Amino acid sequence: MPDEGIAISVIGILLGFDFGTKRIGVAVGNSISGTARPLTTLHGEHNGHRFAAIAELIREWEPSALVVGLPCHDDGTPHELTRLCRRFAQRLEGRFDLPTLLVDERYTSTSASSQLAEMGIRGIKQKPLLDQVAAQQILQAYFDEPAIEHIA
């Protein structure tokens, strides 16, 4: 595994993921345009359903790589969700044989909530969109500055 901070550039379409134990936000983007957009939110805790839905998205979008947001405490230290997220990223790479990159996702949910509020979407109305907008921000962070960690 390369050291954190090593830039790995991927050309083409990428899928971004905001991993959670109940929901996974998904975004799609293109490295040529350097832009990402929210795509969908996967619901449920059963891995079989989650990975089947991800497999369908991969068939549809044919990404060159996958980008997963890596959560940690404000000071950068890992917590329980950090471990689960790394495990999710390893499973993605193993199942789909695609480069899977980890990007620091601190503050993306807060930022996504603010972005939705600016669009006039507040409170409970944010819930269906929040994870996919956070995934968009994770993927956009990769496009803006591809200093990431490759999991393999």
C-alpha atoms as a PDB file:
ATOM      1  CA  MET A   1       0.000   0.000   0.000  1.00  0.00           C
ATOM      2  CA  PRO A   2       1.437   3.368  -0.943  1.00  0.00           C
ATOM      3  CA  ASP A   3       1.876   5.988   1.736  1.00  0.00           C
ATOM      4  CA  GLU A   4      -1.053   8.314   2.277  1.00  0.00           C
ATOM      5  CA  GLY A   5      -0.751  11.427   0.178  1.00  0.00           C
ATOM      6  CA  ILE A   6       0.572   9.697  -2.958  1.00  0.00           C
ATOM      7  CA  ALA A   7      -1.446  10.869  -5.950  1.00  0.00           C
ATOM      8  CA  ILE A   8      -2.936   8.145  -8.126  1.00  0.00           C
ATOM      9  CA  SER A   9      -4.637   9.433 -11.263  1.00  0.00           C
ATOM     10  CA  VAL A  10      -7.374   7.398 -12.868  1.00  0.00           C
ATOM     11  CA  ILE A  11      -8.802   8.290 -16.261  1.00  0.00           C
ATOM     12  CA  GLY A  12     -12.493   7.794 -17.042  1.00  0.00           C
ATOM     13  CA  ILE A  13     -15.657   7.273 -15.071  1.00  0.00           C
ATOM     14  CA  LEU A  14     -15.422   6.697 -11.322  1.00  0.00           C
ATOM     15  CA  LEU A  15     -18.000   5.742  -8.731  1.00  0.00           C
ATOM     16  CA  GLY A  16     -17.737   7.306  -5.277  1.00  0.00           C
ATOM     17  CA  PHE A  17     -19.114   5.812  -2.067  1.00  0.00           C
ATOM     18  CA  ASP A  18     -20.087   7.277   1.290  1.00  0.00           C
ATOM     19  CA  PHE A  19     -20.182   4.091   3.366  1.00  0.00           C
ATOM     20  CA  GLY A  20     -22.524   3.703   6.306  1.00  0.00           C
ATOM     21  CA  THR A  21     -23.872   0.728   8.210  1.00  0.00           C
ATOM     22  CA  LYS A  22     -27.481   1.506   7.182  1.00  0.00           C
ATOM     23  CA  ARG A  23     -27.017   3.438   3.921  1.00  0.00           C
ATOM     24  CA  ILE A  24     -24.370   3.857   1.243  1.00  0.00           C
ATOM     25  CA  GLY A  25     -24.394   7.028  -0.810  1.00  0.00           C
ATOM     26  CA  VAL A  26     -23.175   6.682  -4.380  1.00  0.00           C
ATOM     27  CA  ALA A  27     -21.942   9.331  -6.796  1.00  0.00           C
ATOM     28  CA  VAL A  28     -20.623   9.176 -10.344  1.00  0.00           C
ATOM     29  CA  GLY A  29     -18.024  11.362 -11.965  1.00  0.00           C
ATOM     30  CA  ASN A  30     -15.670  11.698 -14.875  1.00  0.00           C
ATOM     31  CA  SER A  31     -11.991  12.459 -14.490  1.00  0.00           C
ATOM     32  CA  ILE A  32     -11.905  14.226 -17.873  1.00  0.00           C
ATOM     33  CA  SER A  33     -14.389  16.898 -16.765  1.00  0.00           C
ATOM     34  CA  GLY A  34     -13.276  16.610 -13.125  1.00  0.00           C
ATOM     35  CA  THR A  35     -16.849  16.713 -11.880  1.00  0.00           C
ATOM     36  CA  ALA A  36     -19.015  14.433  -9.751  1.00  0.00           C
ATOM     37  CA  ARG A  37     -22.753  14.242  -9.212  1.00  0.00           C
ATOM     38  CA  PRO A  38     -24.999  12.401  -6.760  1.00  0.00           C
ATOM     39  CA  LEU A  39     -26.318   9.130  -8.145  1.00  0.00           C
ATOM     40  CA  THR A  40     -28.266   7.068  -5.600  1.00  0.00           C
ATOM     41  CA  THR A  41     -28.474   5.838  -2.032  1.00  0.00           C
ATOM     42  CA  LEU A  42     -28.366   2.117  -1.289  1.00  0.00           C
ATOM     43  CA  HIS A  43     -30.444   1.126   1.733  1.00  0.00           C
ATOM     44  CA  GLY A  44     -30.281  -1.857   4.044  1.00  0.00           C
ATOM     45  CA  GLU A  45     -27.684  -3.659   6.085  1.00  0.00           C
ATOM     46  CA  HIS A  46     -27.544  -6.974   4.201  1.00  0.00           C
ATOM     47  CA  ASN A  47     -24.256  -7.209   2.282  1.00  0.00           C
ATOM     48  CA  GLY A  48     -25.713  -9.471  -0.397  1.00  0.00           C
ATOM     49  CA  HIS A  49     -28.238  -6.832  -1.426  1.00  0.00           C
ATOM     50  CA  ARG A  50     -25.699  -4.030  -1.201  1.00  0.00           C
ATOM     51  CA  PHE A  51     -23.136  -5.758  -3.396  1.00  0.00           C
ATOM     52  CA  ALA A  52     -25.782  -6.858  -5.905  1.00  0.00           C
ATOM     53  CA  ALA A  53     -26.875  -3.216  -6.267  1.00  0.00           C
ATOM     54  CA  ILE A  54     -23.245  -2.104  -6.582  1.00  0.00           C
ATOM     55  CA  ALA A  55     -22.637  -4.793  -9.222  1.00  0.00           C
ATOM     56  CA  GLU A  56     -25.552  -3.383 -11.232  1.00  0.00           C
ATOM     57  CA  LEU A  57     -24.127   0.150 -10.984  1.00  0.00           C
ATOM     58  CA  ILE A  58     -20.730  -1.125 -12.118  1.00  0.00           C
ATOM     59  CA  ARG A  59     -22.308  -2.887 -15.114  1.00  0.00           C
ATOM     60  CA  GLU A  60     -24.219   0.264 -15.998  1.00  0.00           C
ATOM     61  CA  TRP A  61     -21.426   2.839 -15.563  1.00  0.00           C
ATOM     62  CA  GLU A  62     -18.320   0.702 -16.300  1.00  0.00           C
ATOM     63  CA  PRO A  63     -16.063   2.720 -13.961  1.00  0.00           C
ATOM     64  CA  SER A  64     -12.267   2.721 -14.183  1.00  0.00           C
ATOM     65  CA  ALA A  65     -11.993   2.884 -10.388  1.00  0.00           C
ATOM     66  CA  LEU A  66     -13.961   3.207  -7.168  1.00  0.00           C
ATOM     67  CA  VAL A  67     -13.447   5.919  -4.538  1.00  0.00           C
ATOM     68  CA  VAL A  68     -14.517   5.324  -0.944  1.00  0.00           C
ATOM     69  CA  GLY A  69     -14.669   7.979   1.745  1.00  0.00           C
ATOM     70  CA  LEU A  70     -12.619   7.041   4.796  1.00  0.00           C
ATOM     71  CA  PRO A  71     -14.118   8.348   8.052  1.00  0.00           C
ATOM     72  CA  CYS A  72     -12.012   9.201  11.076  1.00  0.00           C
ATOM     73  CA  HIS A  73     -12.075  11.453  14.113  1.00  0.00           C
ATOM     74  CA  ASP A  74     -11.437  15.181  13.672  1.00  0.00           C
ATOM     75  CA  ASP A  75      -7.786  14.675  14.662  1.00  0.00           C
ATOM     76  CA  GLY A  76      -7.334  11.962  12.008  1.00  0.00           C
ATOM     77  CA  THR A  77      -7.347   8.970  14.340  1.00  0.00           C
ATOM     78  CA  PRO A  78      -9.419   5.953  13.282  1.00  0.00           C
ATOM     79  CA  HIS A  79     -12.638   4.765  14.936  1.00  0.00           C
ATOM     80  CA  GLU A  80     -14.927   1.738  14.473  1.00  0.00           C
ATOM     81  CA  LEU A  81     -16.461   2.998  11.225  1.00  0.00           C
ATOM     82  CA  THR A  82     -12.941   3.508   9.832  1.00  0.00           C
ATOM     83  CA  ARG A  83     -12.291  -0.219  10.144  1.00  0.00           C
ATOM     84  CA  LEU A  84     -15.644  -1.151   8.601  1.00  0.00           C
ATOM     85  CA  CYS A  85     -15.076   1.273   5.745  1.00  0.00           C
ATOM     86  CA  ARG A  86     -11.632  -0.195   4.970  1.00  0.00           C
ATOM     87  CA  ARG A  87     -13.203  -3.647   4.977  1.00  0.00           C
ATOM     88  CA  PHE A  88     -15.932  -2.442   2.588  1.00  0.00           C
ATOM     89  CA  ALA A  89     -13.278  -0.976   0.251  1.00  0.00           C
ATOM     90  CA  GLN A  90     -11.285  -4.227   0.317  1.00  0.00           C
ATOM     91  CA  ARG A  91     -14.428  -6.178  -0.557  1.00  0.00           C
ATOM     92  CA  LEU A  92     -15.198  -3.826  -3.432  1.00  0.00           C
ATOM     93  CA  GLU A  93     -11.724  -4.269  -4.878  1.00  0.00           C
ATOM     94  CA  GLY A  94     -11.808  -8.038  -4.368  1.00  0.00           C
ATOM     95  CA  ARG A  95     -15.266  -8.569  -5.858  1.00  0.00           C
ATOM     96  CA  PHE A  96     -15.063  -6.204  -8.799  1.00  0.00           C
ATOM     97  CA  ASP A  97     -11.325  -6.235  -9.572  1.00  0.00           C
ATOM     98  CA  LEU A  98     -11.233  -2.450  -9.837  1.00  0.00           C
ATOM     99  CA  PRO A  99      -8.739  -0.086  -8.243  1.00  0.00           C
ATOM    100  CA  THR A 100     -10.327   1.136  -5.026  1.00  0.00           C
ATOM    101  CA  LEU A 101      -9.086   4.377  -3.532  1.00  0.00           C
ATOM    102  CA  LEU A 102      -9.685   5.819  -0.073  1.00  0.00           C
ATOM    103  CA  VAL A 103     -10.247   9.554   0.428  1.00  0.00           C
ATOM    104  CA  ASP A 104     -10.489  11.426   3.728  1.00  0.00           C
ATOM    105  CA  GLU A 105     -14.175  12.146   4.249  1.00  0.00           C
ATOM    106  CA  ARG A 106     -14.100  14.272   7.393  1.00  0.00           C
ATOM    107  CA  TYR A 107     -16.905  16.840   7.395  1.00  0.00           C
ATOM    108  CA  THR A 108     -18.536  15.635   4.148  1.00  0.00           C
ATOM    109  CA  SER A 109     -21.895  14.913   5.811  1.00  0.00           C
ATOM    110  CA  THR A 110     -21.919  18.356   7.427  1.00  0.00           C
ATOM    111  CA  SER A 111     -20.908  19.970   4.159  1.00  0.00           C
ATOM    112  CA  ALA A 112     -23.512  17.952   2.241  1.00  0.00           C
ATOM    113  CA  SER A 113     -26.206  19.060   4.699  1.00  0.00           C
ATOM    114  CA  SER A 114     -25.177  22.700   4.226  1.00  0.00           C
ATOM    115  CA  GLN A 115     -25.214  22.284   0.440  1.00  0.00           C
ATOM    116  CA  LEU A 116     -28.733  20.824   0.540  1.00  0.00           C
ATOM    117  CA  ALA A 117     -29.907  23.603   2.892  1.00  0.00           C
ATOM    118  CA  GLU A 118     -28.622  26.191   0.415  1.00  0.00           C
ATOM    119  CA  MET A 119     -30.786  24.469  -2.198  1.00  0.00           C
ATOM    120  CA  GLY A 120     -33.807  24.844   0.093  1.00  0.00           C
ATOM    121  CA  ILE A 121     -33.828  21.203   1.231  1.00  0.00           C
ATOM    122  CA  ARG A 122     -33.884  21.105   5.011  1.00  0.00           C
ATOM    123  CA  GLY A 123     -34.584  18.776   7.911  1.00  0.00           C
ATOM    124  CA  ILE A 124     -36.076  15.368   7.222  1.00  0.00           C
ATOM    125  CA  LYS A 125     -36.256  16.125   3.483  1.00  0.00           C
ATOM    126  CA  GLN A 126     -32.445  15.887   3.388  1.00  0.00           C
ATOM    127  CA  LYS A 127     -32.325  12.270   4.540  1.00  0.00           C
ATOM    128  CA  PRO A 128     -32.881  10.577   1.142  1.00  0.00           C
ATOM    129  CA  LEU A 129     -30.231  12.781  -0.512  1.00  0.00           C
ATOM    130  CA  LEU A 130     -27.621  13.351   2.188  1.00  0.00           C
ATOM    131  CA  ASP A 131     -25.509  10.215   1.625  1.00  0.00           C
ATOM    132  CA  GLN A 132     -25.339  10.585  -2.148  1.00  0.00           C
ATOM    133  CA  VAL A 133     -24.392  14.271  -1.866  1.00  0.00           C
ATOM    134  CA  ALA A 134     -21.689  13.270   0.642  1.00  0.00           C
ATOM    135  CA  ALA A 135     -20.494  10.649  -1.907  1.00  0.00           C
ATOM    136  CA  GLN A 136     -20.412  13.416  -4.529  1.00  0.00           C
ATOM    137  CA  GLN A 137     -18.201  15.510  -2.257  1.00  0.00           C
ATOM    138  CA  ILE A 138     -15.880  12.552  -1.604  1.00  0.00           C
ATOM    139  CA  LEU A 139     -15.497  11.929  -5.332  1.00  0.00           C
ATOM    140  CA  GLN A 140     -15.090  15.649  -6.058  1.00  0.00           C
ATOM    141  CA  ALA A 141     -12.357  15.796  -3.400  1.00  0.00           C
ATOM    142  CA  TYR A 142     -10.499  13.084  -5.328  1.00  0.00           C
ATOM    143  CA  PHE A 143     -10.846  15.028  -8.590  1.00  0.00           C
ATOM    144  CA  ASP A 144      -9.742  18.275  -6.960  1.00  0.00           C
ATOM    145  CA  GLU A 145      -6.708  16.781  -5.235  1.00  0.00           C
ATOM    146  CA  PRO A 146      -5.998  13.102  -5.860  1.00  0.00           C
ATOM    147  CA  ALA A 147      -3.846  12.605  -2.753  1.00  0.00           C
ATOM    148  CA  ILE A 148      -5.354   9.313  -1.662  1.00  0.00           C
ATOM    149  CA  GLU A 149      -4.615   5.895  -0.315  1.00  0.00           C
ATOM    150  CA  HIS A 150      -4.950   2.834  -2.526  1.00  0.00           C
ATOM    151  CA  ILE A 151      -6.151  -0.148  -0.519  1.00  0.00           C
ATOM    152  CA  ALA A 152      -4.308  -2.941  -2.308  1.00  0.00           C
END
